[in-house]
C-alpha atoms as a PDB file:
ATOM      1  CA  MET A   1      73.701 136.447  79.930  1.00  0.00           C
ATOM      2  CA  PRO A   2      71.983 139.836  80.259  1.00  0.00           C
ATOM      3  CA  GLU A   3      68.247 139.853  80.858  1.00  0.00           C
ATOM      4  CA  ARG A   4      67.658 143.147  79.081  1.00  0.00           C
ATOM      5  CA  VAL A   5      69.517 145.464  76.740  1.00  0.00           C
ATOM      6  CA  GLY A   6      72.154 147.524  78.532  1.00  0.00           C
ATOM      7  CA  ASP A   7      72.833 145.017  81.302  1.00  0.00           C
ATOM      8  CA  ILE A   8      76.528 144.711  82.035  1.00  0.00           C
ATOM      9  CA  VAL A   9      77.976 141.233  81.706  1.00  0.00           C
ATOM     10  CA  PRO A  10      81.006 140.573  83.920  1.00  0.00           C
ATOM     11  CA  GLN A  11      84.225 139.715  82.043  1.00  0.00           C
ATOM     12  CA  ALA A  12      84.342 136.240  83.620  1.00  0.00           C
ATOM     13  CA  VAL A  13      80.898 135.356  82.191  1.00  0.00           C
ATOM     14  CA  ARG A  14      81.677 136.442  78.622  1.00  0.00           C
ATOM     15  CA  PRO A  15      82.750 133.670  76.277  1.00  0.00           C
ATOM     16  CA  HIS A  16      86.357 133.786  75.109  1.00  0.00           C
ATOM     17  CA  LYS A  17      86.622 135.356  71.702  1.00  0.00           C
ATOM     18  CA  PRO A  18      89.671 133.989  69.859  1.00  0.00           C
ATOM     19  CA  VAL A  19      92.357 136.565  69.135  1.00  0.00           C
ATOM     20  CA  VAL A  20      94.426 136.246  65.973  1.00  0.00           C
ATOM     21  CA  LEU A  21      97.905 137.776  66.201  1.00  0.00           C
ATOM     22  CA  PRO A  22      99.305 139.233  62.961  1.00  0.00           C
ATOM     23  CA  CYS A  23     102.844 138.148  62.056  1.00  0.00           C
ATOM     24  CA  ALA A  24     105.420 139.266  59.504  1.00  0.00           C
ATOM     25  CA  GLY A  25     104.710 138.410  55.882  1.00  0.00           C
ATOM     26  CA  GLY A  26     100.941 138.649  56.277  1.00  0.00           C
ATOM     27  CA  ARG A  27     100.748 135.403  58.285  1.00  0.00           C
ATOM     28  CA  GLU A  28      98.613 135.012  61.405  1.00  0.00           C
ATOM     29  CA  TYR A  29      98.841 133.063  64.667  1.00  0.00           C
ATOM     30  CA  LEU A  30      95.874 131.816  66.691  1.00  0.00           C
ATOM     31  CA  PRO A  31      96.941 131.051  70.290  1.00  0.00           C
ATOM     32  CA  ASP A  32      95.668 127.713  71.584  1.00  0.00           C
ATOM     33  CA  ASP A  33      93.280 127.879  74.589  1.00  0.00           C
ATOM     34  CA  ALA A  34      95.282 125.270  76.528  1.00  0.00           C
ATOM     35  CA  TRP A  35      98.473 127.285  76.013  1.00  0.00           C
ATOM     36  CA  LEU A  36      96.753 130.488  77.174  1.00  0.00           C
ATOM     37  CA  ASP A  37      95.480 128.677  80.277  1.00  0.00           C
ATOM     38  CA  GLU A  38      99.031 127.510  81.010  1.00  0.00           C
ATOM     39  CA  LEU A  39     100.318 131.060  80.568  1.00  0.00           C
ATOM     40  CA  GLN A  40      97.645 132.302  82.977  1.00  0.00           C
ATOM     41  CA  ASP A  41      99.109 129.975  85.613  1.00  0.00           C
ATOM     42  CA  CYS A  42     102.545 131.526  84.991  1.00  0.00           C
ATOM     43  CA  TYR A  43     101.502 135.181  84.939  1.00  0.00           C
ATOM     44  CA  VAL A  44      99.225 135.425  87.961  1.00  0.00           C
ATOM     45  CA  HIS A  45      99.198 139.233  88.274  1.00  0.00           C
ATOM     46  CA  ILE A  46      97.523 139.859  84.909  1.00  0.00           C
ATOM     47  CA  ASP A  47      94.588 138.644  82.818  1.00  0.00           C
ATOM     48  CA  VAL A  48      96.467 136.838  80.024  1.00  0.00           C
ATOM     49  CA  ARG A  49      93.600 136.827  77.527  1.00  0.00           C
ATOM     50  CA  GLU A  50      93.050 140.574  77.935  1.00  0.00           C
ATOM     51  CA  HIS A  51      96.752 141.241  77.436  1.00  0.00           C
ATOM     52  CA  VAL A  52      96.794 139.026  74.338  1.00  0.00           C
ATOM     53  CA  ARG A  53      94.082 141.304  72.912  1.00  0.00           C
ATOM     54  CA  GLN A  54      96.259 144.315  73.786  1.00  0.00           C
ATOM     55  CA  ALA A  55      99.263 142.600  72.181  1.00  0.00           C
ATOM     56  CA  ARG A  56      97.252 142.314  68.969  1.00  0.00           C
ATOM     57  CA  GLY A  57      96.695 146.062  69.047  1.00  0.00           C
ATOM     58  CA  TRP A  58     100.408 146.625  69.542  1.00  0.00           C
ATOM     59  CA  LEU A  59     101.248 144.331  66.633  1.00  0.00           C
ATOM     60  CA  LEU A  60      98.831 146.128  64.335  1.00  0.00           C
ATOM     61  CA  GLY A  61     100.822 149.337  64.671  1.00  0.00           C
ATOM     62  CA  ASN A  62     104.382 148.073  65.067  1.00  0.00           C
ATOM     63  CA  GLU A  63     106.908 145.724  63.497  1.00  0.00           C
ATOM     64  CA  ARG A  64     105.592 142.169  63.639  1.00  0.00           C
ATOM     65  CA  PRO A  65     107.689 139.154  64.535  1.00  0.00           C
ATOM     66  CA  PRO A  66     107.858 136.196  62.142  1.00  0.00           C
ATOM     67  CA  LEU A  67     105.446 133.340  62.769  1.00  0.00           C
ATOM     68  CA  HIS A  68     108.153 131.034  64.157  1.00  0.00           C
ATOM     69  CA  LYS A  69     109.007 133.613  66.873  1.00  0.00           C
ATOM     70  CA  ILE A  70     105.519 134.779  67.847  1.00  0.00           C
ATOM     71  CA  GLN A  71     105.196 132.563  70.948  1.00  0.00           C
ATOM     72  CA  ARG A  72     108.511 133.830  72.287  1.00  0.00           C
ATOM     73  CA  TRP A  73     107.482 137.421  71.516  1.00  0.00           C
ATOM     74  CA  LEU A  74     104.143 136.932  73.277  1.00  0.00           C
ATOM     75  CA  THR A  75     105.678 135.380  76.410  1.00  0.00           C
ATOM     76  CA  ASN A  76     108.151 138.290  76.608  1.00  0.00           C
ATOM     77  CA  TYR A  77     105.267 140.750  76.184  1.00  0.00           C
ATOM     78  CA  LEU A  78     103.257 139.028  78.940  1.00  0.00           C
ATOM     79  CA  HIS A  79     106.304 138.787  81.219  1.00  0.00           C
ATOM     80  CA  ASN A  80     106.847 142.544  80.954  1.00  0.00           C
ATOM     81  CA  ARG A  81     103.180 143.278  81.713  1.00  0.00           C
ATOM     82  CA  ASN A  82     103.261 140.859  84.668  1.00  0.00           C
ATOM     83  CA  GLU A  83     106.383 142.555  86.056  1.00  0.00           C
ATOM     84  CA  GLN A  84     104.704 145.960  85.766  1.00  0.00           C
ATOM     85  CA  ALA A  85     101.678 144.627  87.668  1.00  0.00           C
ATOM     86  CA  THR A  86     103.745 142.919  90.399  1.00  0.00           C
ATOM     87  CA  PRO A  87     103.906 144.871  93.665  1.00  0.00           C
ATOM     88  CA  VAL A  88     107.314 146.485  94.174  1.00  0.00           C
ATOM     89  CA  LYS A  89     109.481 144.881  96.844  1.00  0.00           C
ATOM     90  CA  ARG A  90     110.747 147.367  99.394  1.00  0.00           C
ATOM     91  CA  LYS A  91     113.245 147.355 102.212  1.00  0.00           C
ATOM     92  CA  ALA A  92     111.991 147.265 105.781  1.00  0.00           C
ATOM     93  CA  THR A  93     111.806 150.591 107.618  1.00  0.00           C
ATOM     94  CA  GLU A  94     113.505 151.131 110.974  1.00  0.00           C
ATOM     95  CA  ALA A  95     110.237 150.364 112.801  1.00  0.00           C
ATOM     96  CA  GLU A  96     109.883 147.077 110.908  1.00  0.00           C
ATOM     97  CA  HIS A  97     113.531 146.056 111.355  1.00  0.00           C
ATOM     98  CA  VAL A  98     113.958 142.961 113.536  1.00  0.00           C
ATOM     99  CA  GLU A  99     117.184 142.331 115.414  1.00  0.00           C
ATOM    100  CA  TYR A 100     118.189 138.691 115.181  1.00  0.00           C
ATOM    101  CA  PRO A 101     120.481 137.128 117.812  1.00  0.00           C
ATOM    102  CA  PRO A 102     124.057 136.211 116.848  1.00  0.00           C
ATOM    103  CA  LEU A 103     124.404 132.738 115.432  1.00  0.00           C
ATOM    104  CA  GLU A 104     126.458 131.577 118.431  1.00  0.00           C
ATOM    105  CA  LYS A 105     123.373 131.928 120.666  1.00  0.00           C
ATOM    106  CA  LEU A 106     121.196 129.798 118.391  1.00  0.00           C
ATOM    107  CA  ALA A 107     120.939 126.004 118.413  1.00  0.00           C
ATOM    108  CA  PRO A 108     124.006 124.274 116.938  1.00  0.00           C
ATOM    109  CA  PRO A 109     123.783 123.828 113.183  1.00  0.00           C
ATOM    110  CA  PRO A 110     123.621 120.411 111.529  1.00  0.00           C
ATOM    111  CA  PRO A 111     127.028 118.841 110.741  1.00  0.00           C
ATOM    112  CA  ALA A 112     126.906 119.760 107.047  1.00  0.00           C
ATOM    113  CA  VAL A 113     126.221 123.394 107.886  1.00  0.00           C
ATOM    114  CA  ALA A 114     128.829 123.425 110.677  1.00  0.00           C
ATOM    115  CA  ALA A 115     131.436 122.270 108.170  1.00  0.00           C
ATOM    116  CA  TRP A 116     130.533 125.218 105.969  1.00  0.00           C
ATOM    117  CA  GLY A 117     131.632 127.560 108.726  1.00  0.00           C
ATOM    118  CA  ILE A 118     130.055 129.927 111.150  1.00  0.00           C
ATOM    119  CA  GLU A 119     131.731 132.873 109.379  1.00  0.00           C
ATOM    120  CA  GLN A 120     129.925 132.125 106.138  1.00  0.00           C
ATOM    121  CA  LEU A 121     126.599 131.902 107.954  1.00  0.00           C
ATOM    122  CA  GLU A 122     127.275 135.200 109.692  1.00  0.00           C
ATOM    123  CA  LYS A 123     127.965 136.844 106.313  1.00  0.00           C
ATOM    124  CA  LEU A 124     124.762 135.353 104.923  1.00  0.00           C
ATOM    125  CA  ARG A 125     122.770 136.571 107.950  1.00  0.00           C
ATOM    126  CA  ARG A 126     124.122 140.121 107.524  1.00  0.00           C
ATOM    127  CA  ARG A 127     123.361 140.099 103.799  1.00  0.00           C
ATOM    128  CA  VAL A 128     119.793 138.813 104.225  1.00  0.00           C
ATOM    129  CA  TRP A 129     118.707 140.559 107.425  1.00  0.00           C
ATOM    130  CA  GLY A 130     121.004 143.562 107.422  1.00  0.00           C
END
């Protein structure tokens, strides 16, 4: 903890303050620490506990879900924030494009793949690598 007044304490050192989420009908939901830890494993691009605090702020000013739907609402909220934080996938530029040899020049495929057909593999190669 800080040694003197005004010292900044890193977020990781601060103890977790429980966040109560307001629900419809004046009810409240207190997320379980184990559940929040599990959600953190799922949403790796965001700080789940911080976004739960932000979700509380959103709920204070907007329509609140009923208590029996709050976990679903919260996972959707976190999913959307995680997607916004995820780096955007982009197509390779011409300089990054790699030319792969035709499938006929590669090692013969295993019997199960050979039965599937070289045409299907060629279509798949064109779709994946352009």
